[in-house]
PDB file of N, CA and C in Angstrom:
ATOM      1  N   ALA A   1     121.183 164.051 -45.710  1.00  0.00           N
ATOM      2  CA  ALA A   1     120.039 163.164 -45.384  1.00  0.00           C
ATOM      3  C   ALA A   1     119.783 163.356 -44.008  1.00  0.00           C
ATOM      4  N   LEU A   2     120.688 163.727 -43.061  1.00  0.00           N
ATOM      5  CA  LEU A   2     120.436 163.977 -41.380  1.00  0.00           C
ATOM      6  C   LEU A   2     119.644 165.181 -41.247  1.00  0.00           C
ATOM      7  N   PHE A   3     119.931 166.086 -42.170  1.00  0.00           N
ATOM      8  CA  PHE A   3     119.070 167.350 -41.942  1.00  0.00           C
ATOM      9  C   PHE A   3     117.651 167.256 -42.580  1.00  0.00           C
ATOM     10  N   GLY A   4     117.556 166.046 -43.397  1.00  0.00           N
ATOM     11  CA  GLY A   4     116.269 165.873 -44.234  1.00  0.00           C
ATOM     12  C   GLY A   4     115.385 165.192 -42.947  1.00  0.00           C
ATOM     13  N   LEU A   5     116.407 164.194 -42.302  1.00  0.00           N
ATOM     14  CA  LEU A   5     115.495 163.595 -41.220  1.00  0.00           C
ATOM     15  C   LEU A   5     115.181 164.540 -40.134  1.00  0.00           C
ATOM     16  N   TRP A   6     116.290 165.188 -39.493  1.00  0.00           N
ATOM     17  CA  TRP A   6     115.891 166.465 -38.310  1.00  0.00           C
ATOM     18  C   TRP A   6     114.333 167.076 -38.860  1.00  0.00           C
ATOM     19  N   ALA A   7     114.438 167.704 -40.376  1.00  0.00           N
ATOM     20  CA  ALA A   7     113.400 168.252 -40.652  1.00  0.00           C
ATOM     21  C   ALA A   7     112.156 167.709 -40.591  1.00  0.00           C
ATOM     22  N   MET A   8     112.104 166.620 -41.236  1.00  0.00           N
ATOM     23  CA  MET A   8     110.672 165.797 -41.165  1.00  0.00           C
ATOM     24  C   MET A   8     110.160 165.470 -39.717  1.00  0.00           C
ATOM     25  N   SER A   9     111.192 165.065 -38.653  1.00  0.00           N
ATOM     26  CA  SER A   9     110.766 164.805 -37.418  1.00  0.00           C
ATOM     27  C   SER A   9     110.151 166.140 -36.880  1.00  0.00           C
ATOM     28  N   ALA A  10     110.929 167.241 -36.754  1.00  0.00           N
ATOM     29  CA  ALA A  10     110.485 168.456 -36.321  1.00  0.00           C
ATOM     30  C   ALA A  10     109.326 168.785 -36.725  1.00  0.00           C
ATOM     31  N   LEU A  11     108.966 168.692 -38.262  1.00  0.00           N
ATOM     32  CA  LEU A  11     107.727 168.720 -38.597  1.00  0.00           C
ATOM     33  C   LEU A  11     106.605 167.958 -38.200  1.00  0.00           C
ATOM     34  N   VAL A  12     107.139 166.872 -38.146  1.00  0.00           N
ATOM     35  CA  VAL A  12     105.549 165.707 -37.595  1.00  0.00           C
ATOM     36  C   VAL A  12     105.655 166.417 -36.008  1.00  0.00           C
ATOM     37  N   ALA A  13     106.711 166.667 -35.118  1.00  0.00           N
ATOM     38  CA  ALA A  13     106.473 167.105 -33.729  1.00  0.00           C
ATOM     39  C   ALA A  13     105.714 168.296 -33.742  1.00  0.00           C
ATOM     40  N   LEU A  14     105.808 169.451 -34.725  1.00  0.00           N
ATOM     41  CA  LEU A  14     105.356 170.605 -34.639  1.00  0.00           C
ATOM     42  C   LEU A  14     103.991 170.634 -35.023  1.00  0.00           C
ATOM     43  N   ARG A  15     103.861 170.015 -35.834  1.00  0.00           N
ATOM     44  CA  ARG A  15     102.506 169.938 -36.428  1.00  0.00           C
ATOM     45  C   ARG A  15     101.358 169.243 -35.708  1.00  0.00           C
ATOM     46  N   LYS A  16     101.949 168.048 -34.843  1.00  0.00           N
ATOM     47  CA  LYS A  16     100.828 167.150 -34.281  1.00  0.00           C
ATOM     48  C   LYS A  16     100.885 167.833 -32.981  1.00  0.00           C
ATOM     49  N   GLY A  17     101.217 169.395 -32.402  1.00  0.00           N
ATOM     50  CA  GLY A  17     100.912 169.949 -31.171  1.00  0.00           C
ATOM     51  C   GLY A  17      99.702 170.295 -31.286  1.00  0.00           C
ATOM     52  N   ARG A  18      99.656 171.456 -30.302  1.00  0.00           N
ATOM     53  CA  ARG A  18      98.250 171.932 -30.001  1.00  0.00           C
ATOM     54  C   ARG A  18      97.599 172.609 -31.384  1.00  0.00           C
ATOM     55  N   ALA A  19      96.732 172.417 -31.966  1.00  0.00           N
ATOM     56  CA  ALA A  19      96.234 172.626 -33.122  1.00  0.00           C
ATOM     57  C   ALA A  19      96.142 174.336 -33.497  1.00  0.00           C
ATOM     58  N   GLY A  20      95.618 175.317 -32.379  1.00  0.00           N
ATOM     59  CA  GLY A  20      96.028 176.483 -32.425  1.00  0.00           C
ATOM     60  C   GLY A  20      96.939 177.230 -32.130  1.00  0.00           C
ATOM     61  N   HIS A  21      97.918 176.399 -31.666  1.00  0.00           N
ATOM     62  CA  HIS A  21      99.146 177.277 -31.023  1.00  0.00           C
ATOM     63  C   HIS A  21      99.839 177.736 -32.412  1.00  0.00           C
ATOM     64  N   TRP A  22     100.589 178.826 -32.149  1.00  0.00           N
ATOM     65  CA  TRP A  22     101.276 179.493 -33.200  1.00  0.00           C
ATOM     66  C   TRP A  22     102.610 178.541 -33.839  1.00  0.00           C
ATOM     67  N   SER A  23     103.097 177.591 -32.978  1.00  0.00           N
ATOM     68  CA  SER A  23     104.265 176.681 -33.317  1.00  0.00           C
ATOM     69  C   SER A  23     103.688 175.803 -34.460  1.00  0.00           C
ATOM     70  N   CYS A  24     102.484 175.262 -34.564  1.00  0.00           N
ATOM     71  CA  CYS A  24     101.717 174.295 -35.262  1.00  0.00           C
ATOM     72  C   CYS A  24     101.649 175.134 -36.410  1.00  0.00           C
ATOM     73  N   ARG A  25     101.253 176.310 -36.308  1.00  0.00           N
ATOM     74  CA  ARG A  25     100.644 177.111 -37.659  1.00  0.00           C
ATOM     75  C   ARG A  25     102.013 177.376 -38.493  1.00  0.00           C
ATOM     76  N   GLN A  26     103.170 177.563 -37.502  1.00  0.00           N
ATOM     77  CA  GLN A  26     104.011 178.299 -38.436  1.00  0.00           C
ATOM     78  C   GLN A  26     105.486 177.229 -38.494  1.00  0.00           C
ATOM     79  N   ALA A  27     105.187 176.066 -38.479  1.00  0.00           N
ATOM     80  CA  ALA A  27     106.095 174.882 -37.984  1.00  0.00           C
ATOM     81  C   ALA A  27     106.980 174.752 -39.262  1.00  0.00           C
ATOM     82  N   TRP A  28     106.529 175.038 -40.654  1.00  0.00           N
ATOM     83  CA  TRP A  28     107.651 175.151 -41.548  1.00  0.00           C
ATOM     84  C   TRP A  28     108.625 176.640 -41.763  1.00  0.00           C
ATOM     85  N   PRO A  29     108.225 177.435 -41.200  1.00  0.00           N
ATOM     86  CA  PRO A  29     109.252 178.386 -40.948  1.00  0.00           C
ATOM     87  C   PRO A  29     110.250 178.266 -40.088  1.00  0.00           C
ATOM     88  N   LEU A  30     109.431 177.619 -38.670  1.00  0.00           N
ATOM     89  CA  LEU A  30     110.478 177.563 -37.415  1.00  0.00           C
ATOM     90  C   LEU A  30     111.706 176.357 -38.038  1.00  0.00           C
ATOM     91  N   VAL A  31     110.948 175.601 -38.775  1.00  0.00           N
ATOM     92  CA  VAL A  31     112.056 174.266 -39.045  1.00  0.00           C
ATOM     93  C   VAL A  31     113.219 174.876 -40.237  1.00  0.00           C
ATOM     94  N   LEU A  32     112.829 175.626 -41.150  1.00  0.00           N
ATOM     95  CA  LEU A  32     113.520 176.394 -42.001  1.00  0.00           C
ATOM     96  C   LEU A  32     114.587 177.165 -41.482  1.00  0.00           C
ATOM     97  N   ILE A  33     114.157 177.767 -40.610  1.00  0.00           N
ATOM     98  CA  ILE A  33     115.243 179.222 -39.923  1.00  0.00           C
ATOM     99  C   ILE A  33     115.874 178.170 -39.174  1.00  0.00           C
ATOM    100  N   GLY A  34     115.099 177.543 -38.172  1.00  0.00           N
ATOM    101  CA  GLY A  34     116.197 176.807 -37.086  1.00  0.00           C
ATOM    102  C   GLY A  34     117.052 176.090 -37.843  1.00  0.00           C
ATOM    103  N   GLY A  35     116.971 175.056 -38.782  1.00  0.00           N
ATOM    104  CA  GLY A  35     117.898 173.999 -39.571  1.00  0.00           C
ATOM    105  C   GLY A  35     118.695 174.987 -40.309  1.00  0.00           C
ATOM    106  N   GLY A  36     118.504 176.066 -40.960  1.00  0.00           N
ATOM    107  CA  GLY A  36     119.310 176.714 -41.449  1.00  0.00           C
ATOM    108  C   GLY A  36     120.486 177.530 -40.831  1.00  0.00           C
ATOM    109  N   MET A  37     120.073 178.021 -39.351  1.00  0.00           N
ATOM    110  CA  MET A  37     120.845 178.461 -38.595  1.00  0.00           C
ATOM    111  C   MET A  37     121.801 177.229 -38.052  1.00  0.00           C
ATOM    112  N   MET A  38     121.285 176.157 -38.003  1.00  0.00           N
ATOM    113  CA  MET A  38     121.954 175.061 -37.383  1.00  0.00           C
ATOM    114  C   MET A  38     123.187 174.275 -38.515  1.00  0.00           C
ATOM    115  N   ALA A  39     122.509 174.596 -39.760  1.00  0.00           N
ATOM    116  CA  ALA A  39     123.736 174.312 -40.848  1.00  0.00           C
ATOM    117  C   ALA A  39     125.142 175.300 -40.846  1.00  0.00           C
ATOM    118  N   VAL A  40     124.699 176.251 -40.589  1.00  0.00           N
ATOM    119  CA  VAL A  40     125.573 177.317 -40.683  1.00  0.00           C
ATOM    120  C   VAL A  40     126.548 177.295 -39.349  1.00  0.00           C
ATOM    121  N   LEU A  41     125.905 177.158 -38.233  1.00  0.00           N
ATOM    122  CA  LEU A  41     126.604 177.116 -36.909  1.00  0.00           C
ATOM    123  C   LEU A  41     127.652 175.939 -36.884  1.00  0.00           C
ATOM    124  N   LEU A  42     127.018 174.782 -37.560  1.00  0.00           N
ATOM    125  CA  LEU A  42     127.911 173.463 -37.433  1.00  0.00           C
ATOM    126  C   LEU A  42     129.265 173.369 -38.376  1.00  0.00           C
ATOM    127  N   GLU A  43     128.751 174.154 -39.405  1.00  0.00           N
ATOM    128  CA  GLU A  43     129.631 174.557 -40.520  1.00  0.00           C
ATOM    129  C   GLU A  43     130.941 175.295 -40.039  1.00  0.00           C
ATOM    130  N   TRP A  44     130.660 176.287 -39.498  1.00  0.00           N
ATOM    131  CA  TRP A  44     131.644 177.124 -38.696  1.00  0.00           C
ATOM    132  C   TRP A  44     132.296 176.642 -37.432  1.00  0.00           C
ATOM    133  N   ALA A  45     131.592 175.705 -36.780  1.00  0.00           N
ATOM    134  CA  ALA A  45     132.401 175.238 -35.602  1.00  0.00           C
ATOM    135  C   ALA A  45     133.026 174.008 -36.011  1.00  0.00           C
ATOM    136  N   GLN A  46     132.764 173.482 -37.227  1.00  0.00           N
ATOM    137  CA  GLN A  46     133.469 172.422 -37.816  1.00  0.00           C
ATOM    138  C   GLN A  46     135.032 172.795 -38.302  1.00  0.00           C
ATOM    139  N   GLY A  47     134.912 173.851 -38.972  1.00  0.00           N
ATOM    140  CA  GLY A  47     136.208 174.684 -39.320  1.00  0.00           C
ATOM    141  C   GLY A  47     137.262 175.120 -38.078  1.00  0.00           C
ATOM    142  N   ILE A  48     136.308 175.285 -36.864  1.00  0.00           N
ATOM    143  CA  ILE A  48     137.250 175.371 -35.480  1.00  0.00           C
ATOM    144  C   ILE A  48     137.575 174.525 -34.882  1.00  0.00           C
ATOM    145  N   VAL A  49     137.125 173.015 -34.712  1.00  0.00           N
ATOM    146  CA  VAL A  49     137.368 172.261 -34.268  1.00  0.00           C
ATOM    147  C   VAL A  49     138.289 170.868 -34.623  1.00  0.00           C
ATOM    148  N   PHE A  50     137.960 171.008 -36.029  1.00  0.00           N
ATOM    149  CA  PHE A  50     138.761 169.963 -36.900  1.00  0.00           C
ATOM    150  C   PHE A  50     139.752 170.884 -38.070  1.00  0.00           C
ATOM    151  N   LEU A  51     140.997 170.857 -37.282  1.00  0.00           N
ATOM    152  CA  LEU A  51     141.995 171.880 -38.025  1.00  0.00           C
ATOM    153  C   LEU A  51     141.850 171.564 -39.445  1.00  0.00           C
ATOM    154  N   ASP A  52     142.072 170.210 -39.909  1.00  0.00           N
ATOM    155  CA  ASP A  52     142.453 169.778 -41.217  1.00  0.00           C
ATOM    156  C   ASP A  52     141.247 169.858 -41.869  1.00  0.00           C
ATOM    157  N   ARG A  53     140.243 170.078 -41.497  1.00  0.00           N
ATOM    158  CA  ARG A  53     138.880 170.413 -42.441  1.00  0.00           C
ATOM    159  C   ARG A  53     138.468 171.640 -42.707  1.00  0.00           C
ATOM    160  N   GLY A  54     138.174 172.049 -43.495  1.00  0.00           N
ATOM    161  CA  GLY A  54     137.986 173.925 -43.703  1.00  0.00           C
ATOM    162  C   GLY A  54     136.141 173.786 -43.657  1.00  0.00           C
ATOM    163  N   ARG A  55     135.730 174.942 -43.962  1.00  0.00           N
ATOM    164  CA  ARG A  55     134.183 175.213 -43.763  1.00  0.00           C
ATOM    165  C   ARG A  55     134.063 175.057 -45.322  1.00  0.00           C
ATOM    166  N   ASP A  56     132.916 174.823 -45.536  1.00  0.00           N
ATOM    167  CA  ASP A  56     132.402 174.693 -47.068  1.00  0.00           C
ATOM    168  C   ASP A  56     131.288 174.985 -47.432  1.00  0.00           C
ATOM    169  N   VAL A  57     130.692 176.012 -48.431  1.00  0.00           N
ATOM    170  CA  VAL A  57     129.414 176.460 -48.805  1.00  0.00           C
ATOM    171  C   VAL A  57     128.728 175.399 -48.890  1.00  0.00           C
ATOM    172  N   ALA A  58     129.166 174.421 -49.926  1.00  0.00           N
ATOM    173  CA  ALA A  58     128.614 173.425 -50.452  1.00  0.00           C
ATOM    174  C   ALA A  58     127.720 172.616 -49.374  1.00  0.00           C
ATOM    175  N   ASP A  59     128.396 172.515 -48.133  1.00  0.00           N
ATOM    176  CA  ASP A  59     128.029 171.317 -47.169  1.00  0.00           C
ATOM    177  C   ASP A  59     126.734 172.513 -46.809  1.00  0.00           C
ATOM    178  N   VAL A  60     126.839 173.515 -46.577  1.00  0.00           N
ATOM    179  CA  VAL A  60     125.301 174.236 -46.127  1.00  0.00           C
ATOM    180  C   VAL A  60     124.418 173.856 -47.225  1.00  0.00           C
ATOM    181  N   LEU A  61     124.735 174.048 -48.533  1.00  0.00           N
ATOM    182  CA  LEU A  61     123.769 173.980 -49.648  1.00  0.00           C
ATOM    183  C   LEU A  61     123.342 172.721 -49.755  1.00  0.00           C
ATOM    184  N   ALA A  62     124.155 171.834 -49.503  1.00  0.00           N
ATOM    185  CA  ALA A  62     123.571 170.039 -49.157  1.00  0.00           C
ATOM    186  C   ALA A  62     122.541 170.142 -47.782  1.00  0.00           C
ATOM    187  N   ASP A  63     122.803 170.853 -46.796  1.00  0.00           N
ATOM    188  CA  ASP A  63     121.957 170.879 -45.672  1.00  0.00           C
ATOM    189  C   ASP A  63     120.764 171.364 -45.556  1.00  0.00           C
ATOM    190  N   LEU A  64     120.769 172.534 -46.536  1.00  0.00           N
ATOM    191  CA  LEU A  64     119.440 173.200 -46.885  1.00  0.00           C
ATOM    192  C   LEU A  64     118.553 172.647 -48.078  1.00  0.00           C
ATOM    193  N   PHE A  65     119.104 171.544 -48.855  1.00  0.00           N
ATOM    194  CA  PHE A  65     118.753 170.870 -50.006  1.00  0.00           C
ATOM    195  C   PHE A  65     117.773 169.719 -48.991  1.00  0.00           C
ATOM    196  N   GLY A  66     118.340 169.167 -47.879  1.00  0.00           N
ATOM    197  CA  GLY A  66     117.933 168.272 -47.166  1.00  0.00           C
ATOM    198  C   GLY A  66     116.784 168.900 -46.432  1.00  0.00           C
ATOM    199  N   LEU A  67     116.774 170.053 -45.911  1.00  0.00           N
ATOM    200  CA  LEU A  67     115.438 170.689 -45.230  1.00  0.00           C
ATOM    201  C   LEU A  67     114.423 170.764 -46.277  1.00  0.00           C
ATOM    202  N   LEU A  68     114.740 171.295 -47.773  1.00  0.00           N
ATOM    203  CA  LEU A  68     113.754 171.611 -48.697  1.00  0.00           C
ATOM    204  C   LEU A  68     113.096 170.059 -49.139  1.00  0.00           C
ATOM    205  N   ALA A  69     113.991 168.953 -49.148  1.00  0.00           N
ATOM    206  CA  ALA A  69     113.340 167.956 -49.431  1.00  0.00           C
ATOM    207  C   ALA A  69     112.608 167.356 -48.635  1.00  0.00           C
ATOM    208  N   ALA A  70     112.868 167.527 -47.333  1.00  0.00           N
ATOM    209  CA  ALA A  70     111.790 166.945 -46.154  1.00  0.00           C
ATOM    210  C   ALA A  70     110.627 167.968 -46.238  1.00  0.00           C
ATOM    211  N   GLY A  71     110.595 168.841 -46.539  1.00  0.00           N
ATOM    212  CA  GLY A  71     109.349 170.292 -46.428  1.00  0.00           C
ATOM    213  C   GLY A  71     108.431 169.276 -47.477  1.00  0.00           C
ATOM    214  N   CYS A  72     109.198 169.187 -48.595  1.00  0.00           N
ATOM    215  CA  CYS A  72     108.283 168.550 -49.719  1.00  0.00           C
ATOM    216  C   CYS A  72     107.557 167.318 -49.328  1.00  0.00           C
ATOM    217  N   ALA A  73     108.605 166.377 -48.744  1.00  0.00           N
ATOM    218  CA  ALA A  73     107.883 165.004 -48.365  1.00  0.00           C
ATOM    219  C   ALA A  73     106.868 165.333 -47.343  1.00  0.00           C
ATOM    220  N   PHE A  74     107.092 166.118 -46.343  1.00  0.00           N
ATOM    221  CA  PHE A  74     105.980 166.073 -45.567  1.00  0.00           C
ATOM    222  C   PHE A  74     105.021 166.905 -45.958  1.00  0.00           C
ATOM    223  N   ARG A  75     104.777 167.730 -46.921  1.00  0.00           N
ATOM    224  CA  ARG A  75     103.690 168.023 -47.457  1.00  0.00           C
ATOM    225  C   ARG A  75     102.980 167.054 -48.415  1.00  0.00           C
ATOM    226  N   ALA A  76     103.769 166.318 -49.149  1.00  0.00           N
ATOM    227  CA  ALA A  76     103.137 165.150 -49.924  1.00  0.00           C
ATOM    228  C   ALA A  76     102.577 163.792 -49.064  1.00  0.00           C
ATOM    229  N   LEU A  77     103.295 163.771 -47.918  1.00  0.00           N
ATOM    230  CA  LEU A  77     102.631 162.557 -47.071  1.00  0.00           C
ATOM    231  C   LEU A  77     101.865 162.951 -46.231  1.00  0.00           C
ATOM    232  N   TYR A  78     101.544 164.204 -45.504  1.00  0.00           N
ATOM    233  CA  TYR A  78     100.771 164.230 -44.589  1.00  0.00           C
ATOM    234  C   TYR A  78      99.610 165.415 -45.060  1.00  0.00           C
ATOM    235  N   LEU A  79     100.055 166.196 -46.052  1.00  0.00           N
ATOM    236  CA  LEU A  79      99.102 167.619 -46.151  1.00  0.00           C
ATOM    237  C   LEU A  79      98.530 167.240 -47.671  1.00  0.00           C
ATOM    238  N   GLU A  80      98.728 165.927 -48.161  1.00  0.00           N
ATOM    239  CA  GLU A  80      98.004 166.057 -49.438  1.00  0.00           C
ATOM    240  C   GLU A  80      98.520 166.884 -50.519  1.00  0.00           C
ATOM    241  N   TRP A  81      99.499 166.900 -50.615  1.00  0.00           N
ATOM    242  CA  TRP A  81      99.999 168.163 -51.645  1.00  0.00           C
ATOM    243  C   TRP A  81      99.566 167.818 -53.406  1.00  0.00           C
ATOM    244  N   PRO A  82      99.362 168.581 -53.863  1.00  0.00           N
ATOM    245  CA  PRO A  82      99.537 170.222 -53.837  1.00  0.00           C
ATOM    246  C   PRO A  82      98.351 170.607 -53.332  1.00  0.00           C
ATOM    247  N   MET A  83      97.075 170.022 -53.172  1.00  0.00           N
ATOM    248  CA  MET A  83      95.993 170.566 -52.797  1.00  0.00           C
ATOM    249  C   MET A  83      95.845 171.201 -51.269  1.00  0.00           C
ATOM    250  N   GLY A  84      96.942 170.694 -50.383  1.00  0.00           N
ATOM    251  CA  GLY A  84      96.655 171.032 -48.951  1.00  0.00           C
ATOM    252  C   GLY A  84      95.674 170.068 -48.218  1.00  0.00           C
ATOM    253  N   LYS A  85      95.450 170.625 -46.925  1.00  0.00           N
ATOM    254  CA  LYS A  85      94.907 169.615 -46.314  1.00  0.00           C
ATOM    255  C   LYS A  85      93.407 169.975 -46.306  1.00  0.00           C
ATOM    256  N   ARG A  86      92.353 169.074 -46.561  1.00  0.00           N
ATOM    257  CA  ARG A  86      90.863 169.372 -46.730  1.00  0.00           C
ATOM    258  C   ARG A  86      90.253 169.158 -45.190  1.00  0.00           C
ATOM    259  N   ILE A  87      89.576 170.079 -45.010  1.00  0.00           N
ATOM    260  CA  ILE A  87      88.651 170.074 -44.118  1.00  0.00           C
ATOM    261  C   ILE A  87      87.317 169.587 -44.379  1.00  0.00           C
ATOM    262  N   LEU A  88      86.772 168.528 -43.778  1.00  0.00           N
ATOM    263  CA  LEU A  88      85.294 168.191 -44.211  1.00  0.00           C
ATOM    264  C   LEU A  88      84.597 168.802 -43.357  1.00  0.00           C
TER     265      LEU A  88
END
């Protein structure tokens, strides 16, 4: 859920930026790559900081699912999915 909220916030912030800027056009790949790297890094750090808690691939997959769910929700709410944004 936290990765979903983070991804939704990041997508809204990036898409509300300057319209012609590359970060606005490439918001979804930026969020997916950044969130994926953060998921792996947090899981790796968790295994080091908390000795009684190990690293778990299922946690990374759950984080990635949150990212994907946020991407679908963003597209449905803001881009009129599945048709995409219409220009009048």
